[in-house]
C-alpha atoms as a PDB file:
ATOM      1  CA  MET A   1     161.606 294.029 363.710  1.00  0.00           C
ATOM      2  CA  LEU A   2     159.631 295.062 367.437  1.00  0.00           C
ATOM      3  CA  PHE A   3     157.317 297.697 367.224  1.00  0.00           C
ATOM      4  CA  SER A   4     155.433 296.948 370.900  1.00  0.00           C
ATOM      5  CA  LYS A   5     155.520 293.939 372.633  1.00  0.00           C
ATOM      6  CA  PRO A   6     151.851 293.409 374.663  1.00  0.00           C
ATOM      7  CA  LYS A   7     151.170 291.436 377.577  1.00  0.00           C
ATOM      8  CA  GLU A   8     149.464 289.484 375.506  1.00  0.00           C
ATOM      9  CA  ILE A   9     150.582 288.355 372.081  1.00  0.00           C
ATOM     10  CA  ILE A  10     151.015 284.611 370.288  1.00  0.00           C
ATOM     11  CA  GLY A  11     153.415 283.127 368.122  1.00  0.00           C
ATOM     12  CA  LEU A  12     152.622 282.303 364.525  1.00  0.00           C
ATOM     13  CA  ASP A  13     155.987 279.984 362.172  1.00  0.00           C
ATOM     14  CA  ILE A  14     154.643 280.603 358.989  1.00  0.00           C
ATOM     15  CA  GLY A  15     157.096 277.709 357.644  1.00  0.00           C
ATOM     16  CA  SER A  16     156.950 276.282 354.113  1.00  0.00           C
ATOM     17  CA  SER A  17     155.854 273.117 355.276  1.00  0.00           C
ATOM     18  CA  SER A  18     153.145 274.283 357.686  1.00  0.00           C
ATOM     19  CA  ILE A  19     151.931 277.127 360.245  1.00  0.00           C
ATOM     20  CA  LYS A  20     152.203 276.697 364.022  1.00  0.00           C
ATOM     21  CA  LEU A  21     151.216 278.556 367.015  1.00  0.00           C
ATOM     22  CA  VAL A  22     151.893 278.441 370.371  1.00  0.00           C
ATOM     23  CA  GLU A  23     150.548 281.046 373.314  1.00  0.00           C
ATOM     24  CA  LEU A  24     152.992 280.664 376.261  1.00  0.00           C
ATOM     25  CA  LYS A  25     151.811 282.657 379.683  1.00  0.00           C
ATOM     26  CA  GLU A  26     154.353 283.909 381.950  1.00  0.00           C
ATOM     27  CA  GLU A  27     154.203 282.983 385.547  1.00  0.00           C
ATOM     28  CA  LYS A  28     156.879 283.554 388.470  1.00  0.00           C
ATOM     29  CA  ALA A  29     158.360 279.579 387.536  1.00  0.00           C
ATOM     30  CA  GLY A  30     159.373 280.658 384.248  1.00  0.00           C
ATOM     31  CA  TYR A  31     156.621 279.635 380.968  1.00  0.00           C
ATOM     32  CA  ARG A  32     153.398 277.278 381.012  1.00  0.00           C
ATOM     33  CA  LEU A  33     152.127 276.379 378.058  1.00  0.00           C
ATOM     34  CA  GLN A  34     148.803 277.001 376.662  1.00  0.00           C
ATOM     35  CA  ASN A  35     147.759 276.572 373.418  1.00  0.00           C
ATOM     36  CA  LEU A  36     149.733 274.990 370.668  1.00  0.00           C
ATOM     37  CA  ALA A  37     148.310 273.713 367.189  1.00  0.00           C
ATOM     38  CA  LEU A  38     149.887 273.110 363.263  1.00  0.00           C
ATOM     39  CA  ALA A  39     147.948 273.361 360.306  1.00  0.00           C
ATOM     40  CA  PRO A  40     149.473 271.581 357.415  1.00  0.00           C
ATOM     41  CA  LEU A  41     150.321 273.470 353.727  1.00  0.00           C
ATOM     42  CA  PRO A  42     150.496 272.181 350.078  1.00  0.00           C
ATOM     43  CA  PRO A  43     154.358 272.092 349.002  1.00  0.00           C
ATOM     44  CA  GLU A  44     154.187 275.779 346.969  1.00  0.00           C
ATOM     45  CA  ALA A  45     152.193 277.493 349.556  1.00  0.00           C
ATOM     46  CA  ILE A  46     155.082 279.162 349.991  1.00  0.00           C
ATOM     47  CA  VAL A  47     158.689 279.660 348.482  1.00  0.00           C
ATOM     48  CA  ASP A  48     161.835 280.217 349.511  1.00  0.00           C
ATOM     49  CA  GLY A  49     160.102 282.514 352.448  1.00  0.00           C
ATOM     50  CA  ALA A  50     157.848 284.102 349.741  1.00  0.00           C
ATOM     51  CA  LEU A  51     153.512 284.152 349.660  1.00  0.00           C
ATOM     52  CA  MET A  52     152.711 282.431 346.876  1.00  0.00           C
ATOM     53  CA  ASP A  53     148.754 281.843 347.796  1.00  0.00           C
ATOM     54  CA  SER A  54     147.422 283.860 350.138  1.00  0.00           C
ATOM     55  CA  VAL A  55     144.035 282.454 350.487  1.00  0.00           C
ATOM     56  CA  THR A  56     145.204 279.310 351.432  1.00  0.00           C
ATOM     57  CA  ILE A  57     147.581 280.152 354.205  1.00  0.00           C
ATOM     58  CA  ILE A  58     145.031 281.981 355.255  1.00  0.00           C
ATOM     59  CA  ASP A  59     142.648 279.886 355.930  1.00  0.00           C
ATOM     60  CA  ALA A  60     145.111 277.703 358.145  1.00  0.00           C
ATOM     61  CA  ILE A  61     145.817 280.819 360.404  1.00  0.00           C
ATOM     62  CA  LYS A  62     142.245 281.039 360.635  1.00  0.00           C
ATOM     63  CA  ASP A  63     142.346 276.823 361.392  1.00  0.00           C
ATOM     64  CA  LEU A  64     144.250 277.107 363.928  1.00  0.00           C
ATOM     65  CA  MET A  65     143.028 279.698 365.632  1.00  0.00           C
ATOM     66  CA  ALA A  66     139.844 277.524 365.843  1.00  0.00           C
ATOM     67  CA  GLN A  67     142.100 274.233 366.615  1.00  0.00           C
ATOM     68  CA  GLY A  68     144.158 277.094 370.113  1.00  0.00           C
ATOM     69  CA  LYS A  69     140.712 278.018 371.107  1.00  0.00           C
ATOM     70  CA  THR A  70     143.077 281.439 372.326  1.00  0.00           C
ATOM     71  CA  LYS A  71     141.112 284.681 372.424  1.00  0.00           C
ATOM     72  CA  THR A  72     144.759 286.617 372.242  1.00  0.00           C
ATOM     73  CA  LYS A  73     145.158 288.569 368.514  1.00  0.00           C
ATOM     74  CA  ASN A  74     148.532 290.249 368.734  1.00  0.00           C
ATOM     75  CA  VAL A  75     150.719 287.916 367.085  1.00  0.00           C
ATOM     76  CA  ALA A  76     154.467 287.652 366.684  1.00  0.00           C
ATOM     77  CA  THR A  77     155.831 286.046 363.421  1.00  0.00           C
ATOM     78  CA  SER A  78     158.985 285.591 361.750  1.00  0.00           C
ATOM     79  CA  VAL A  79     160.927 286.109 358.084  1.00  0.00           C
ATOM     80  CA  SER A  80     163.413 284.438 356.774  1.00  0.00           C
ATOM     81  CA  GLY A  81     164.633 283.965 352.869  1.00  0.00           C
ATOM     82  CA  HIS A  82     165.818 286.051 349.574  1.00  0.00           C
ATOM     83  CA  SER A  83     164.421 288.965 350.794  1.00  0.00           C
ATOM     84  CA  VAL A  84     166.111 289.300 354.385  1.00  0.00           C
ATOM     85  CA  ILE A  85     169.465 290.450 354.815  1.00  0.00           C
ATOM     86  CA  VAL A  86     171.294 290.801 358.179  1.00  0.00           C
ATOM     87  CA  LYS A  87     175.364 291.415 358.649  1.00  0.00           C
ATOM     88  CA  LYS A  88     177.227 292.765 361.354  1.00  0.00           C
ATOM     89  CA  ILE A  89     179.413 295.513 361.084  1.00  0.00           C
ATOM     90  CA  THR A  90     181.300 297.716 362.642  1.00  0.00           C
ATOM     91  CA  LEU A  91     181.124 301.809 362.535  1.00  0.00           C
ATOM     92  CA  PRO A  92     182.414 304.530 364.107  1.00  0.00           C
ATOM     93  CA  PHE A  93     181.201 304.674 367.979  1.00  0.00           C
ATOM     94  CA  MET A  94     177.858 306.268 368.677  1.00  0.00           C
ATOM     95  CA  THR A  95     174.403 306.751 370.624  1.00  0.00           C
ATOM     96  CA  ASP A  96     172.027 304.890 369.100  1.00  0.00           C
ATOM     97  CA  ALA A  97     169.939 307.768 368.264  1.00  0.00           C
ATOM     98  CA  GLU A  98     172.707 308.817 366.278  1.00  0.00           C
ATOM     99  CA  LEU A  99     172.873 306.202 364.611  1.00  0.00           C
ATOM    100  CA  GLU A 100     169.218 305.936 364.586  1.00  0.00           C
ATOM    101  CA  GLU A 101     169.333 309.294 362.671  1.00  0.00           C
ATOM    102  CA  SER A 102     172.800 307.656 360.081  1.00  0.00           C
ATOM    103  CA  ILE A 103     171.579 304.295 359.901  1.00  0.00           C
ATOM    104  CA  GLN A 104     169.621 305.113 356.160  1.00  0.00           C
ATOM    105  CA  TRP A 105     172.569 306.214 353.789  1.00  0.00           C
ATOM    106  CA  GLU A 106     175.128 303.861 356.244  1.00  0.00           C
ATOM    107  CA  SER A 107     172.829 300.975 355.348  1.00  0.00           C
ATOM    108  CA  GLU A 108     173.879 301.562 351.497  1.00  0.00           C
ATOM    109  CA  ARG A 109     177.208 300.287 352.025  1.00  0.00           C
ATOM    110  CA  TYR A 110     176.436 296.061 352.869  1.00  0.00           C
ATOM    111  CA  ILE A 111     172.283 295.824 351.734  1.00  0.00           C
ATOM    112  CA  PRO A 112     172.145 295.167 347.960  1.00  0.00           C
ATOM    113  CA  PHE A 113     168.425 296.271 347.523  1.00  0.00           C
ATOM    114  CA  ASP A 114     167.503 300.046 346.974  1.00  0.00           C
ATOM    115  CA  ILE A 115     167.316 300.957 350.639  1.00  0.00           C
ATOM    116  CA  ASN A 116     163.561 302.989 349.508  1.00  0.00           C
ATOM    117  CA  ASP A 117     162.045 299.095 349.339  1.00  0.00           C
ATOM    118  CA  VAL A 118     163.510 297.796 352.243  1.00  0.00           C
ATOM    119  CA  ASN A 119     162.617 298.013 356.301  1.00  0.00           C
ATOM    120  CA  ILE A 120     165.731 298.534 358.424  1.00  0.00           C
ATOM    121  CA  ASP A 121     166.211 297.527 361.871  1.00  0.00           C
ATOM    122  CA  PHE A 122     169.750 297.256 364.049  1.00  0.00           C
ATOM    123  CA  GLN A 123     171.155 296.542 367.144  1.00  0.00           C
ATOM    124  CA  ILE A 124     174.333 297.645 369.043  1.00  0.00           C
ATOM    125  CA  LEU A 125     176.383 294.957 370.512  1.00  0.00           C
ATOM    126  CA  GLY A 126     178.398 296.983 372.088  1.00  0.00           C
ATOM    127  CA  SER A 127     182.397 298.972 371.475  1.00  0.00           C
ATOM    128  CA  ASP A 128     185.157 296.589 369.612  1.00  0.00           C
ATOM    129  CA  VAL A 129     187.270 294.623 372.727  1.00  0.00           C
ATOM    130  CA  GLU A 130     190.583 295.661 370.020  1.00  0.00           C
ATOM    131  CA  ASN A 131     189.561 299.010 368.898  1.00  0.00           C
ATOM    132  CA  PRO A 132     186.681 300.844 371.646  1.00  0.00           C
ATOM    133  CA  GLU A 133     186.971 303.955 369.086  1.00  0.00           C
ATOM    134  CA  VAL A 134     184.223 301.422 367.016  1.00  0.00           C
ATOM    135  CA  MET A 135     181.371 299.533 367.979  1.00  0.00           C
ATOM    136  CA  GLU A 136     179.867 296.244 366.281  1.00  0.00           C
ATOM    137  CA  VAL A 137     176.371 296.322 365.353  1.00  0.00           C
ATOM    138  CA  ILE A 138     173.822 293.883 363.944  1.00  0.00           C
ATOM    139  CA  LEU A 139     171.780 295.127 360.517  1.00  0.00           C
ATOM    140  CA  VAL A 140     169.013 293.805 359.528  1.00  0.00           C
ATOM    141  CA  ALA A 141     166.855 294.638 356.086  1.00  0.00           C
ATOM    142  CA  ALA A 142     163.824 293.114 354.578  1.00  0.00           C
ATOM    143  CA  LYS A 143     162.031 293.954 351.661  1.00  0.00           C
ATOM    144  CA  LYS A 144     158.780 295.441 352.443  1.00  0.00           C
ATOM    145  CA  ASP A 145     156.666 293.742 350.191  1.00  0.00           C
ATOM    146  CA  ILE A 146     157.614 290.690 351.751  1.00  0.00           C
ATOM    147  CA  ILE A 147     157.292 291.997 355.068  1.00  0.00           C
ATOM    148  CA  ASN A 148     153.517 293.572 353.909  1.00  0.00           C
ATOM    149  CA  ASP A 149     152.596 290.183 352.398  1.00  0.00           C
ATOM    150  CA  TYR A 150     152.589 288.774 355.969  1.00  0.00           C
ATOM    151  CA  VAL A 151     151.669 291.351 357.918  1.00  0.00           C
ATOM    152  CA  ALA A 152     148.488 291.367 355.515  1.00  0.00           C
ATOM    153  CA  VAL A 153     148.082 287.328 355.557  1.00  0.00           C
ATOM    154  CA  VAL A 154     147.620 287.907 359.391  1.00  0.00           C
ATOM    155  CA  MET A 155     145.302 290.776 359.395  1.00  0.00           C
ATOM    156  CA  GLU A 156     143.098 288.979 356.800  1.00  0.00           C
ATOM    157  CA  ALA A 157     142.603 286.228 359.407  1.00  0.00           C
ATOM    158  CA  GLY A 158     141.490 288.651 361.661  1.00  0.00           C
ATOM    159  CA  LEU A 159     144.808 288.796 363.859  1.00  0.00           C
ATOM    160  CA  ASN A 160     147.157 291.853 365.193  1.00  0.00           C
ATOM    161  CA  PRO A 161     151.001 291.746 364.099  1.00  0.00           C
ATOM    162  CA  ILE A 162     152.594 293.191 366.748  1.00  0.00           C
ATOM    163  CA  ILE A 163     156.136 291.594 366.392  1.00  0.00           C
ATOM    164  CA  ILE A 164     157.662 290.647 362.753  1.00  0.00           C
ATOM    165  CA  ASP A 165     161.218 289.588 363.792  1.00  0.00           C
ATOM    166  CA  VAL A 166     163.515 287.195 361.657  1.00  0.00           C
ATOM    167  CA  ASP A 167     163.397 283.139 361.766  1.00  0.00           C
ATOM    168  CA  ALA A 168     167.039 283.332 362.996  1.00  0.00           C
ATOM    169  CA  PHE A 169     166.759 285.358 366.354  1.00  0.00           C
ATOM    170  CA  ALA A 170     163.077 283.803 367.037  1.00  0.00           C
ATOM    171  CA  LEU A 171     165.175 280.332 367.433  1.00  0.00           C
ATOM    172  CA  GLU A 172     168.256 282.337 369.445  1.00  0.00           C
ATOM    173  CA  ASN A 173     164.753 283.595 371.670  1.00  0.00           C
ATOM    174  CA  MET A 174     163.722 280.289 372.271  1.00  0.00           C
ATOM    175  CA  LEU A 175     166.915 278.602 372.569  1.00  0.00           C
ATOM    176  CA  ALA A 176     168.228 281.244 375.564  1.00  0.00           C
ATOM    177  CA  ILE A 177     165.266 280.447 377.365  1.00  0.00           C
ATOM    178  CA  ASN A 178     165.022 277.049 377.440  1.00  0.00           C
ATOM    179  CA  TYR A 179     168.937 275.952 378.128  1.00  0.00           C
ATOM    180  CA  ASP A 180     171.803 277.276 380.086  1.00  0.00           C
ATOM    181  CA  LEU A 181     174.518 278.718 377.814  1.00  0.00           C
ATOM    182  CA  GLU A 182     178.358 279.452 379.542  1.00  0.00           C
ATOM    183  CA  LYS A 183     179.642 282.355 379.323  1.00  0.00           C
ATOM    184  CA  GLY A 184     182.121 282.793 376.479  1.00  0.00           C
ATOM    185  CA  GLU A 185     180.706 280.401 374.873  1.00  0.00           C
ATOM    186  CA  VAL A 186     179.814 279.640 370.884  1.00  0.00           C
ATOM    187  CA  ILE A 187     177.514 278.265 369.954  1.00  0.00           C
ATOM    188  CA  ALA A 188     175.508 277.322 366.713  1.00  0.00           C
ATOM    189  CA  ILE A 189     171.817 276.365 365.735  1.00  0.00           C
ATOM    190  CA  ALA A 190     170.610 275.156 362.695  1.00  0.00           C
ATOM    191  CA  ASN A 191     167.067 275.187 362.222  1.00  0.00           C
ATOM    192  CA  VAL A 192     166.041 272.490 359.263  1.00  0.00           C
ATOM    193  CA  GLY A 193     162.828 273.877 357.639  1.00  0.00           C
ATOM    194  CA  ALA A 194     161.156 272.027 354.207  1.00  0.00           C
ATOM    195  CA  SER A 195     162.904 274.529 352.062  1.00  0.00           C
ATOM    196  CA  VAL A 196     165.272 276.911 354.013  1.00  0.00           C
ATOM    197  CA  THR A 197     167.668 275.444 356.695  1.00  0.00           C
ATOM    198  CA  SER A 198     168.935 278.813 358.812  1.00  0.00           C
ATOM    199  CA  ILE A 199     172.369 279.041 360.762  1.00  0.00           C
ATOM    200  CA  ASN A 200     172.698 281.120 363.926  1.00  0.00           C
ATOM    201  CA  ILE A 201     176.385 281.409 365.313  1.00  0.00           C
ATOM    202  CA  LEU A 202     175.851 283.284 368.830  1.00  0.00           C
ATOM    203  CA  LYS A 203     178.678 284.098 371.507  1.00  0.00           C
ATOM    204  CA  ASN A 204     177.489 284.997 374.971  1.00  0.00           C
ATOM    205  CA  ASN A 205     174.139 284.636 373.184  1.00  0.00           C
ATOM    206  CA  VAL A 206     174.407 287.504 371.052  1.00  0.00           C
ATOM    207  CA  SER A 207     174.570 287.062 367.182  1.00  0.00           C
ATOM    208  CA  ALA A 208     177.518 287.007 365.492  1.00  0.00           C
ATOM    209  CA  PHE A 209     176.772 285.272 361.798  1.00  0.00           C
ATOM    210  CA  THR A 210     174.167 284.652 359.957  1.00  0.00           C
ATOM    211  CA  ARG A 211     172.711 282.659 357.112  1.00  0.00           C
ATOM    212  CA  ASP A 212     170.490 281.110 355.225  1.00  0.00           C
ATOM    213  CA  LEU A 213     170.752 278.009 352.845  1.00  0.00           C
ATOM    214  CA  PHE A 214     168.368 277.249 350.250  1.00  0.00           C
ATOM    215  CA  LYS A 215     167.981 273.392 350.853  1.00  0.00           C
ATOM    216  CA  GLY A 216     166.004 271.801 353.556  1.00  0.00           C
ATOM    217  CA  GLY A 217     163.782 268.767 354.237  1.00  0.00           C
ATOM    218  CA  ASN A 218     161.612 269.101 350.985  1.00  0.00           C
ATOM    219  CA  GLN A 219     164.152 268.121 348.576  1.00  0.00           C
ATOM    220  CA  ILE A 220     164.984 264.800 350.507  1.00  0.00           C
ATOM    221  CA  THR A 221     161.470 264.570 350.695  1.00  0.00           C
ATOM    222  CA  GLU A 222     161.083 264.680 346.854  1.00  0.00           C
ATOM    223  CA  GLU A 223     164.228 262.485 346.233  1.00  0.00           C
ATOM    224  CA  ILE A 224     161.924 259.628 348.193  1.00  0.00           C
ATOM    225  CA  GLN A 225     159.061 260.232 346.060  1.00  0.00           C
ATOM    226  CA  ARG A 226     161.159 259.955 343.027  1.00  0.00           C
ATOM    227  CA  GLN A 227     162.676 257.265 343.120  1.00  0.00           C
ATOM    228  CA  LEU A 228     160.029 255.069 344.970  1.00  0.00           C
ATOM    229  CA  HIS A 229     157.034 256.203 342.490  1.00  0.00           C
ATOM    230  CA  ILE A 230     155.104 257.534 346.068  1.00  0.00           C
ATOM    231  CA  ASP A 231     152.895 260.464 346.893  1.00  0.00           C
ATOM    232  CA  PHE A 232     154.854 263.363 348.690  1.00  0.00           C
ATOM    233  CA  ASP A 233     152.707 262.689 351.322  1.00  0.00           C
ATOM    234  CA  GLU A 234     153.976 258.753 351.577  1.00  0.00           C
ATOM    235  CA  ALA A 235     157.910 259.829 351.335  1.00  0.00           C
ATOM    236  CA  GLU A 236     157.179 262.650 354.071  1.00  0.00           C
ATOM    237  CA  ARG A 237     156.507 259.541 356.909  1.00  0.00           C
ATOM    238  CA  VAL A 238     158.891 257.667 355.144  1.00  0.00           C
ATOM    239  CA  LYS A 239     161.190 260.509 355.458  1.00  0.00           C
ATOM    240  CA  VAL A 240     160.910 260.337 359.193  1.00  0.00           C
ATOM    241  CA  GLY A 241     161.102 256.900 359.712  1.00  0.00           C
ATOM    242  CA  SER A 242     158.064 255.208 359.156  1.00  0.00           C
ATOM    243  CA  LYS A 243     157.788 251.553 358.911  1.00  0.00           C
ATOM    244  CA  ILE A 244     158.395 250.982 354.855  1.00  0.00           C
ATOM    245  CA  ASP A 245     157.709 247.769 352.957  1.00  0.00           C
ATOM    246  CA  GLY A 246     160.920 245.811 352.915  1.00  0.00           C
ATOM    247  CA  THR A 247     161.997 246.096 349.436  1.00  0.00           C
ATOM    248  CA  TRP A 248     162.405 249.843 349.025  1.00  0.00           C
ATOM    249  CA  GLN A 249     164.725 249.332 352.291  1.00  0.00           C
ATOM    250  CA  PRO A 250     167.691 250.116 350.464  1.00  0.00           C
ATOM    251  CA  VAL A 251     166.721 252.699 348.381  1.00  0.00           C
ATOM    252  CA  VAL A 252     165.303 254.595 350.976  1.00  0.00           C
ATOM    253  CA  GLN A 253     168.512 254.614 352.973  1.00  0.00           C
ATOM    254  CA  LYS A 254     170.773 255.065 350.300  1.00  0.00           C
ATOM    255  CA  VAL A 255     167.969 258.228 349.479  1.00  0.00           C
ATOM    256  CA  LEU A 256     168.027 259.302 353.166  1.00  0.00           C
ATOM    257  CA  LYS A 257     172.050 259.005 353.456  1.00  0.00           C
ATOM    258  CA  GLU A 258     172.879 261.185 350.400  1.00  0.00           C
ATOM    259  CA  ALA A 259     170.984 263.357 350.295  1.00  0.00           C
ATOM    260  CA  SER A 260     170.817 264.046 355.017  1.00  0.00           C
ATOM    261  CA  GLU A 261     174.479 263.907 353.965  1.00  0.00           C
ATOM    262  CA  SER A 262     174.644 266.936 351.511  1.00  0.00           C
ATOM    263  CA  LEU A 263     172.648 269.151 353.862  1.00  0.00           C
ATOM    264  CA  ALA A 264     175.159 268.353 356.018  1.00  0.00           C
ATOM    265  CA  ALA A 265     177.708 269.515 353.696  1.00  0.00           C
ATOM    266  CA  GLU A 266     176.201 272.817 353.069  1.00  0.00           C
ATOM    267  CA  ILE A 267     175.810 272.850 357.004  1.00  0.00           C
ATOM    268  CA  GLY A 268     179.390 272.713 357.554  1.00  0.00           C
ATOM    269  CA  SER A 269     180.632 274.382 355.309  1.00  0.00           C
ATOM    270  CA  SER A 270     178.541 277.571 356.949  1.00  0.00           C
ATOM    271  CA  LEU A 271     180.214 276.760 359.846  1.00  0.00           C
ATOM    272  CA  ASP A 272     183.967 276.548 358.197  1.00  0.00           C
ATOM    273  CA  PHE A 273     183.165 280.100 356.921  1.00  0.00           C
ATOM    274  CA  PHE A 274     182.650 281.238 359.897  1.00  0.00           C
ATOM    275  CA  GLN A 275     185.826 280.284 361.861  1.00  0.00           C
ATOM    276  CA  SER A 276     188.239 280.261 358.407  1.00  0.00           C
ATOM    277  CA  SER A 277     187.231 284.207 359.053  1.00  0.00           C
ATOM    278  CA  SER A 278     186.654 284.884 362.737  1.00  0.00           C
ATOM    279  CA  THR A 279     188.963 285.285 365.575  1.00  0.00           C
ATOM    280  CA  TYR A 280     186.315 283.302 368.091  1.00  0.00           C
ATOM    281  CA  GLU A 281     187.180 280.469 369.468  1.00  0.00           C
ATOM    282  CA  LYS A 282     186.003 276.428 367.924  1.00  0.00           C
ATOM    283  CA  ILE A 283     182.093 275.999 367.847  1.00  0.00           C
ATOM    284  CA  SER A 284     181.330 274.101 371.177  1.00  0.00           C
ATOM    285  CA  LYS A 285     178.015 272.866 370.352  1.00  0.00           C
ATOM    286  CA  LEU A 286     175.508 272.697 367.629  1.00  0.00           C
ATOM    287  CA  TYR A 287     171.700 272.940 368.565  1.00  0.00           C
ATOM    288  CA  LEU A 288     169.678 271.706 365.301  1.00  0.00           C
ATOM    289  CA  GLY A 289     166.030 272.232 365.333  1.00  0.00           C
ATOM    290  CA  GLY A 290     163.076 272.096 362.363  1.00  0.00           C
ATOM    291  CA  GLY A 291     161.323 269.759 361.103  1.00  0.00           C
ATOM    292  CA  GLY A 292     164.176 268.237 359.810  1.00  0.00           C
ATOM    293  CA  SER A 293     165.327 267.995 362.756  1.00  0.00           C
ATOM    294  CA  LYS A 294     163.682 264.647 362.992  1.00  0.00           C
ATOM    295  CA  ILE A 295     165.138 263.055 359.490  1.00  0.00           C
ATOM    296  CA  LYS A 296     166.245 259.551 360.647  1.00  0.00           C
ATOM    297  CA  GLU A 297     169.480 259.691 362.242  1.00  0.00           C
ATOM    298  CA  PHE A 298     169.875 263.064 360.472  1.00  0.00           C
ATOM    299  CA  ASP A 299     171.373 264.831 363.768  1.00  0.00           C
ATOM    300  CA  ILE A 300     174.076 261.861 363.942  1.00  0.00           C
ATOM    301  CA  LEU A 301     174.876 261.821 360.250  1.00  0.00           C
ATOM    302  CA  LEU A 302     175.464 265.852 361.314  1.00  0.00           C
ATOM    303  CA  GLN A 303     177.904 265.017 364.540  1.00  0.00           C
ATOM    304  CA  GLN A 304     180.213 263.069 362.081  1.00  0.00           C
ATOM    305  CA  GLN A 305     180.240 265.424 359.166  1.00  0.00           C
ATOM    306  CA  ILE A 306     180.829 268.371 361.379  1.00  0.00           C
ATOM    307  CA  GLY A 307     183.019 266.707 364.220  1.00  0.00           C
ATOM    308  CA  VAL A 308     180.632 269.038 367.022  1.00  0.00           C
ATOM    309  CA  PRO A 309     178.726 267.289 369.325  1.00  0.00           C
ATOM    310  CA  VAL A 310     174.905 267.837 368.341  1.00  0.00           C
ATOM    311  CA  GLU A 311     172.002 268.152 370.207  1.00  0.00           C
ATOM    312  CA  VAL A 312     168.285 267.870 368.759  1.00  0.00           C
ATOM    313  CA  ILE A 313     166.592 271.502 370.215  1.00  0.00           C
ATOM    314  CA  ASN A 314     162.800 270.552 372.686  1.00  0.00           C
ATOM    315  CA  PRO A 315     161.543 273.881 372.462  1.00  0.00           C
ATOM    316  CA  PHE A 316     159.760 273.241 376.062  1.00  0.00           C
ATOM    317  CA  LYS A 317     162.407 271.612 377.908  1.00  0.00           C
ATOM    318  CA  LYS A 318     161.675 273.925 380.791  1.00  0.00           C
ATOM    319  CA  ILE A 319     158.468 275.113 379.605  1.00  0.00           C
END
C-alpha cells in the first residue's frame, strides 16, 4: 500500500523472530548497501503477524536505529498473516479512476471481513487475453487494526512510516532487482519465516497467486527443543547446523527430516493447487528465502518434494 515514495527510505522487516533494518543508496550502477542491522525478538512478541508485545518491538526498533547509525527517518515495512488478504480477481474493463470509485463495493464479494474494518488497495494487471472486455486485478485488503498497530510501533520508535506493503510483494520487488527472469517464465517464491511461510507465484514479474502458510521455522525449533530438552536458543542453533553432541545426532536428523518434510509438503500442496487451477505453464523454479532457508539441507529436500529446481535467494546478489 504505497502512500508516497521519498528519496531516502529505510526498510524495516518486522518478523516473528527478529526485526531487520536495511538502507540502500541508489546509484548509476544500481544499489549500494548503506546500513544493515538485526535485533532478535522473544518468541511471543509477534504471533501470526499480530503485534503482541509493542513495548519490546519499539525497543528493538530503537536498538536497530542505534546499531545502523542512520539519520533517515522514513520507513517502508510490510505485513502478512490472517488479517491480510490478496486475491486476483476479474472485473469488467474500466479505468483506474472508475475502479477507484467502485472498488469498495466490488471488494465485498471477495473479502471475508467487514469492508469498514479494512484498508483496500489494488493494481490493474491488464485485460484478459481470452476476453478483452474484462481485466485482471490484484486486490489487497488488510485489517485496519493491524495496519494501525504497525504504524504505531514505528512512530513510537521515532520514525515515519511511509510505505506499508505486503510481505509477498516486498519479496517480489527484491527478486526483480537481483535476478534476471525470463519473459513469460513462471516462478515461485517461498519465504520461510519463523511462524509464517509466504508463497508468491509470478509470471512476467507479476503476482498470479499468493498464500500464507501458518507454519515456519519455529515449529521445527520447538520440536528439537522438546526432543532434546534444551532451550529455544540452543535448539535454533542446532536447526541451522551447529555442532552437537554425538548422542543427539540421530534424534536431530530424524526431527529435522520429519519437520522439514511436513513443511515442504505444505509448500508443494500450494504449488499443486496453483497448477491445477490455472492455465499457466509449469513453474520453472522456486526461490527460497527467509530464515527457514538456512535449515540444513532444506533446499535439497524441498526440491525433491516438489520436483522443481530450488535456489536459495541472495538478496544482495546485485547490491
